[in-house]
């Protein structure tokens, strides 16, 4: 194998770099991947990834994502592309990006994208002490509704929940279908008090909404915030919100619970 020490970037490497990173959310951490474009400029994306050794969790995730979808990346010679070919190639990348980070039923971001953005906002909190809150929303009785009325009614309910969250959230917030009947909302620059007001509004709007299947739909909410709820790590913030959600469900559903960290001795 050719010597790879101190490789120099060239146009082909830079082109690959732009194409691949177009599939990844534009977070601050992506800027640290500039050196990837210098690795083995004439080799395939998967070979470049084999030569790249991530140093933190975010980069490890990106490497796993690119390895998973790398076989779908096609980077033909730019000189041989006419306008139609370039347009088709751009469309391919956009479709792959949507597939990777969007939920097919609701159109919301998925768990994968939410994890990246959560890590970024927690990092911002550590650097600048900006507040950040997370709300977990779980539809009450969703499995029974799905079983009794069918998947069409279940999908209608999921899409209705997604529409409510989108309509009543700021554009900078991140809304995702986290898992099955569970939604997650990342409230950027939002305190614990603001997160509680947000959850109250969503709970009221949802419980008052009319669905074609004529069932009343409610949800349980678990809230966790930095700096109030936990030490500043994304994993602990998720755990705190999940514990609050469990409390909301255990105490009767259609409720909101806030995680309160135990005072340190």
Protein backbone atom coordinates (compact mmCIF):
# COMPACT_ATOMS: atom_id res chain seq x y z
CA UNK A 1 0.00 0.00 0.00
CA UNK A 2 1.27 3.50 -0.81
CA UNK A 3 2.80 5.63 1.91
CA UNK A 4 0.11 7.89 3.39
CA UNK A 5 2.09 10.08 5.75
CA UNK A 6 1.39 13.81 5.38
CA UNK A 7 -0.80 13.44 2.27
CA UNK A 8 -1.52 16.57 0.26
CA UNK A 9 -5.08 17.48 -0.76
CA UNK A 10 -6.00 17.64 -4.42
CA UNK A 11 -9.15 18.52 -6.35
CA UNK A 12 -10.47 14.95 -6.40
CA UNK A 13 -10.06 14.61 -2.64
CA UNK A 14 -11.79 17.91 -2.01
CA UNK A 15 -14.64 16.91 -4.32
CA UNK A 16 -15.09 13.66 -2.40
CA UNK A 17 -14.96 15.55 0.86
CA UNK A 18 -17.76 17.90 -0.19
CA UNK A 19 -19.93 15.15 -1.60
CA UNK A 20 -19.76 12.94 1.46
CA UNK A 21 -20.14 15.70 4.02
CA UNK A 22 -23.21 16.94 2.12
CA UNK A 23 -24.92 13.90 3.66
CA UNK A 24 -24.05 14.95 7.20
CA UNK A 25 -25.77 17.68 9.25
CA UNK A 26 -23.75 20.94 9.24
CA UNK A 27 -22.60 20.83 12.85
CA UNK A 28 -19.51 22.44 14.32
CA UNK A 29 -17.90 19.04 14.71
CA UNK A 30 -17.97 18.45 10.95
CA UNK A 31 -15.39 21.18 10.49
CA UNK A 32 -12.86 18.98 12.25
CA UNK A 33 -13.12 16.40 9.46
CA UNK A 34 -11.24 18.55 6.95
CA UNK A 35 -8.25 16.22 7.09
CA UNK A 36 -10.36 13.32 5.77
CA UNK A 37 -10.31 14.85 2.31
CA UNK A 38 -6.54 14.42 2.22
CA UNK A 39 -6.57 10.65 2.72
CA UNK A 40 -5.83 8.55 -0.34
CA UNK A 41 -7.37 10.89 -2.88
CA UNK A 42 -7.64 8.26 -5.62
CA UNK A 43 -9.33 5.58 -3.49
CA UNK A 44 -13.00 4.91 -2.78
CA UNK A 45 -15.00 6.49 0.07
CA UNK A 46 -14.88 3.22 1.99
CA UNK A 47 -11.09 3.05 1.67
CA UNK A 48 -10.81 6.59 2.99
CA UNK A 49 -12.98 5.63 5.93
CA UNK A 50 -10.78 2.63 6.64
CA UNK A 51 -7.84 5.02 6.95
CA UNK A 52 -9.70 7.46 9.17
CA UNK A 53 -9.56 6.84 12.92
CA UNK A 54 -12.19 8.91 14.80
CA UNK A 55 -11.20 10.41 18.12
CA UNK A 56 -14.58 11.11 19.71
CA UNK A 57 -18.15 9.79 19.75
CA UNK A 58 -19.49 12.21 17.15
CA UNK A 59 -16.80 11.32 14.62
CA UNK A 60 -17.29 7.60 15.38
CA UNK A 61 -20.97 7.95 14.61
CA UNK A 62 -20.26 9.75 11.34
CA UNK A 63 -17.79 7.04 10.34
CA UNK A 64 -20.38 4.32 11.06
CA UNK A 65 -23.00 6.23 9.06
CA UNK A 66 -20.73 6.64 6.06
CA UNK A 67 -19.69 3.00 6.18
CA UNK A 68 -23.33 1.97 6.25
CA UNK A 69 -24.29 4.08 3.23
CA UNK A 70 -20.90 4.30 1.52
CA UNK A 71 -21.79 1.71 -1.11
CA UNK A 72 -24.42 4.13 -2.44
CA UNK A 73 -21.94 6.96 -2.88
CA UNK A 74 -20.89 7.41 -6.48
CA UNK A 75 -18.31 10.04 -7.35
CA UNK A 76 -17.75 9.90 -11.13
CA UNK A 77 -15.12 12.05 -12.81
CA UNK A 78 -16.35 15.65 -12.74
CA UNK A 79 -14.93 16.40 -16.17
CA UNK A 80 -17.16 13.77 -17.76
CA UNK A 81 -20.38 15.07 -16.21
CA UNK A 82 -22.77 17.16 -18.27
CA UNK A 83 -25.42 19.33 -16.65
CA UNK A 84 -28.04 16.57 -16.57
CA UNK A 85 -25.61 14.14 -14.93
CA UNK A 86 -24.66 16.67 -12.28
CA UNK A 87 -28.32 17.34 -11.54
CA UNK A 88 -29.04 13.62 -11.19
CA UNK A 89 -26.06 13.20 -8.90
CA UNK A 90 -27.13 16.07 -6.66
CA UNK A 91 -30.62 14.58 -6.47
CA UNK A 92 -29.15 11.23 -5.47
CA UNK A 93 -27.24 12.80 -2.60
CA UNK A 94 -30.31 14.72 -1.43
CA UNK A 95 -32.43 11.58 -1.46
CA UNK A 96 -29.80 9.64 0.47
CA UNK A 97 -29.55 12.44 3.02
CA UNK A 98 -33.32 12.43 3.52
CA UNK A 99 -33.33 8.65 3.86
CA UNK A 100 -30.59 8.78 6.48
CA UNK A 101 -32.03 11.49 8.71
CA UNK A 102 -35.81 11.54 8.19
CA UNK A 103 -38.59 9.34 9.51
CA UNK A 104 -40.62 7.95 6.62
CA UNK A 105 -44.06 8.16 8.27
CA UNK A 106 -43.98 11.58 9.94
CA UNK A 107 -41.31 13.41 7.94
CA UNK A 108 -39.62 14.42 11.20
CA UNK A 109 -35.96 13.95 11.95
CA UNK A 110 -35.10 10.52 13.26
CA UNK A 111 -33.21 9.25 16.30
CA UNK A 112 -29.94 9.34 14.35
CA UNK A 113 -30.11 13.06 13.56
CA UNK A 114 -31.46 13.97 16.99
CA UNK A 115 -28.46 12.34 18.68
CA UNK A 116 -26.05 14.45 16.66
CA UNK A 117 -27.84 17.71 17.38
CA UNK A 118 -28.26 16.87 21.06
CA UNK A 119 -24.53 16.29 21.42
CA UNK A 120 -23.84 19.60 19.72
CA UNK A 121 -26.20 21.58 21.96
CA UNK A 122 -24.85 19.94 25.11
CA UNK A 123 -21.35 20.89 23.95
CA UNK A 124 -22.52 24.48 23.51
CA UNK A 125 -23.92 24.39 27.04
CA UNK A 126 -20.57 23.24 28.39
CA UNK A 127 -18.74 26.03 26.55
CA UNK A 128 -21.13 28.94 27.03
CA UNK A 129 -23.53 27.81 29.76
CA UNK A 130 -26.53 28.34 27.47
CA UNK A 131 -29.66 26.55 28.72
CA UNK A 132 -30.95 23.59 26.76
CA UNK A 133 -33.97 21.38 27.41
CA UNK A 134 -35.21 18.04 26.16
CA UNK A 135 -38.82 16.86 26.12
CA UNK A 136 -39.78 13.23 25.58
CA UNK A 137 -43.39 12.76 24.41
CA UNK A 138 -45.02 9.34 24.40
CA UNK A 139 -48.49 8.76 22.97
CA UNK A 140 -50.77 7.19 25.57
CA UNK A 141 -52.47 3.92 24.59
CA UNK A 142 -50.95 3.92 21.13
CA UNK A 143 -50.49 0.15 20.90
CA UNK A 144 -54.16 -0.47 21.75
CA UNK A 145 -55.28 2.10 19.17
CA UNK A 146 -53.05 0.51 16.57
CA UNK A 147 -54.33 -2.99 17.36
CA UNK A 148 -58.01 -2.04 17.44
CA UNK A 149 -58.21 0.41 14.54
CA UNK A 150 -55.32 -0.71 12.35
CA UNK A 151 -52.03 0.73 11.16
CA UNK A 152 -53.69 3.42 9.06
CA UNK A 153 -55.20 4.95 12.20
CA UNK A 154 -51.89 4.55 13.98
CA UNK A 155 -50.03 6.34 11.21
CA UNK A 156 -52.63 9.11 11.16
CA UNK A 157 -52.04 9.61 14.88
CA UNK A 158 -48.27 9.72 14.46
CA UNK A 159 -48.56 12.27 11.66
CA UNK A 160 -51.02 14.33 13.68
CA UNK A 161 -48.66 14.40 16.64
CA UNK A 162 -45.80 15.42 14.34
CA UNK A 163 -47.88 18.23 12.83
CA UNK A 164 -48.77 19.61 16.26
CA UNK A 165 -45.15 19.56 17.39
CA UNK A 166 -44.01 21.31 14.21
CA UNK A 167 -46.77 23.93 14.34
CA UNK A 168 -46.07 24.91 17.95
CA UNK A 169 -42.27 24.82 17.95
CA UNK A 170 -39.67 27.39 17.01
CA UNK A 171 -37.67 26.77 13.86
CA UNK A 172 -34.40 26.34 15.75
CA UNK A 173 -35.77 23.47 17.82
CA UNK A 174 -35.17 19.87 16.74
CA UNK A 175 -38.20 17.58 16.60
CA UNK A 176 -37.77 13.87 16.01
CA UNK A 177 -39.69 10.65 16.02
CA UNK A 178 -37.39 9.01 18.49
CA UNK A 179 -38.75 5.47 18.57
CA UNK A 180 -42.16 4.05 17.70
CA UNK A 181 -44.74 6.09 19.66
CA UNK A 182 -42.01 8.20 21.29
CA UNK A 183 -41.09 11.70 20.12
CA UNK A 184 -38.18 13.82 21.29
CA UNK A 185 -37.93 17.61 21.15
CA UNK A 186 -34.68 19.48 21.66
CA UNK A 187 -35.47 23.00 22.88
CA UNK A 188 -32.49 25.17 22.03
CA UNK A 189 -31.74 28.12 24.33
CA UNK A 190 -34.70 27.14 26.50
CA UNK A 191 -34.79 26.97 30.29
CA UNK A 192 -36.63 24.42 32.41
CA UNK A 193 -39.49 26.87 32.95
CA UNK A 194 -39.77 27.47 29.21
CA UNK A 195 -39.77 23.73 28.52
CA UNK A 196 -42.62 23.26 30.99
CA UNK A 197 -44.70 25.94 29.25
CA UNK A 198 -43.98 24.31 25.89
CA UNK A 199 -45.08 20.88 27.12
CA UNK A 200 -48.25 22.35 28.66
CA UNK A 201 -49.18 23.89 25.31
CA UNK A 202 -48.55 20.69 23.36
CA UNK A 203 -50.49 18.59 25.87
CA UNK A 204 -53.52 20.89 25.65
CA UNK A 205 -53.49 21.12 21.84
CA UNK A 206 -53.13 17.35 21.40
CA UNK A 207 -55.89 16.44 23.85
CA UNK A 208 -58.21 18.94 22.09
CA UNK A 209 -57.41 17.76 18.55
CA UNK A 210 -59.86 15.84 16.38
CA UNK A 211 -58.68 12.77 14.45
CA UNK A 212 -60.69 11.02 11.75
CA UNK A 213 -60.67 7.82 13.82
CA UNK A 214 -62.59 9.84 16.49
CA UNK A 215 -60.44 8.66 19.37
CA UNK A 216 -59.18 11.22 21.87
CA UNK A 217 -55.41 11.18 21.84
CA UNK A 218 -53.24 12.15 24.80
CA UNK A 219 -49.56 11.93 25.61
CA UNK A 220 -47.21 11.82 28.59
CA UNK A 221 -44.27 14.20 28.84
CA UNK A 222 -40.87 13.95 30.49
CA UNK A 223 -38.70 17.06 30.76
CA UNK A 224 -35.02 17.47 31.59
CA UNK A 225 -32.91 20.61 31.28
CA UNK A 226 -29.37 21.82 31.63
CA UNK A 227 -28.14 23.04 34.00
CA UNK A 228 -30.97 22.06 36.39
CA UNK A 229 -31.52 18.35 35.76
CA UNK A 230 -28.16 16.64 35.40
CA UNK A 231 -24.48 16.98 34.78
CA UNK A 232 -23.79 18.24 31.26
CA UNK A 233 -23.63 15.07 29.16
CA UNK A 234 -26.08 14.09 26.46
CA UNK A 235 -26.48 10.56 27.83
CA UNK A 236 -27.46 11.79 31.28
CA UNK A 237 -29.85 14.36 29.87
CA UNK A 238 -31.65 11.61 27.94
CA UNK A 239 -31.76 9.41 31.04
CA UNK A 240 -33.16 12.27 33.11
CA UNK A 241 -35.93 12.97 30.57
CA UNK A 242 -36.72 9.25 30.37
CA UNK A 243 -37.06 9.00 34.16
CA UNK A 244 -39.39 11.99 34.15
CA UNK A 245 -41.47 10.39 31.38
CA UNK A 246 -41.75 7.19 33.43
CA UNK A 247 -43.05 9.25 36.36
CA UNK A 248 -45.65 10.93 34.14
CA UNK A 249 -46.92 7.56 32.89
CA UNK A 250 -46.87 5.92 36.33
CA UNK A 251 -48.93 8.72 37.90
CA UNK A 252 -51.79 8.53 35.42
CA UNK A 253 -50.67 9.48 31.87
CA UNK A 254 -51.66 12.67 30.05
CA UNK A 255 -49.32 14.36 32.50
CA UNK A 256 -46.07 16.29 32.55
CA UNK A 257 -43.19 15.40 34.83
CA UNK A 258 -39.92 17.24 35.34
CA UNK A 259 -36.73 15.52 36.38
CA UNK A 260 -35.31 16.98 39.53
CA UNK A 261 -31.71 16.14 40.29
CA UNK A 262 -30.93 15.10 43.85
CA UNK A 263 -28.79 17.64 45.67
CA UNK A 264 -25.20 16.60 46.01
CA UNK A 265 -23.98 15.96 49.52
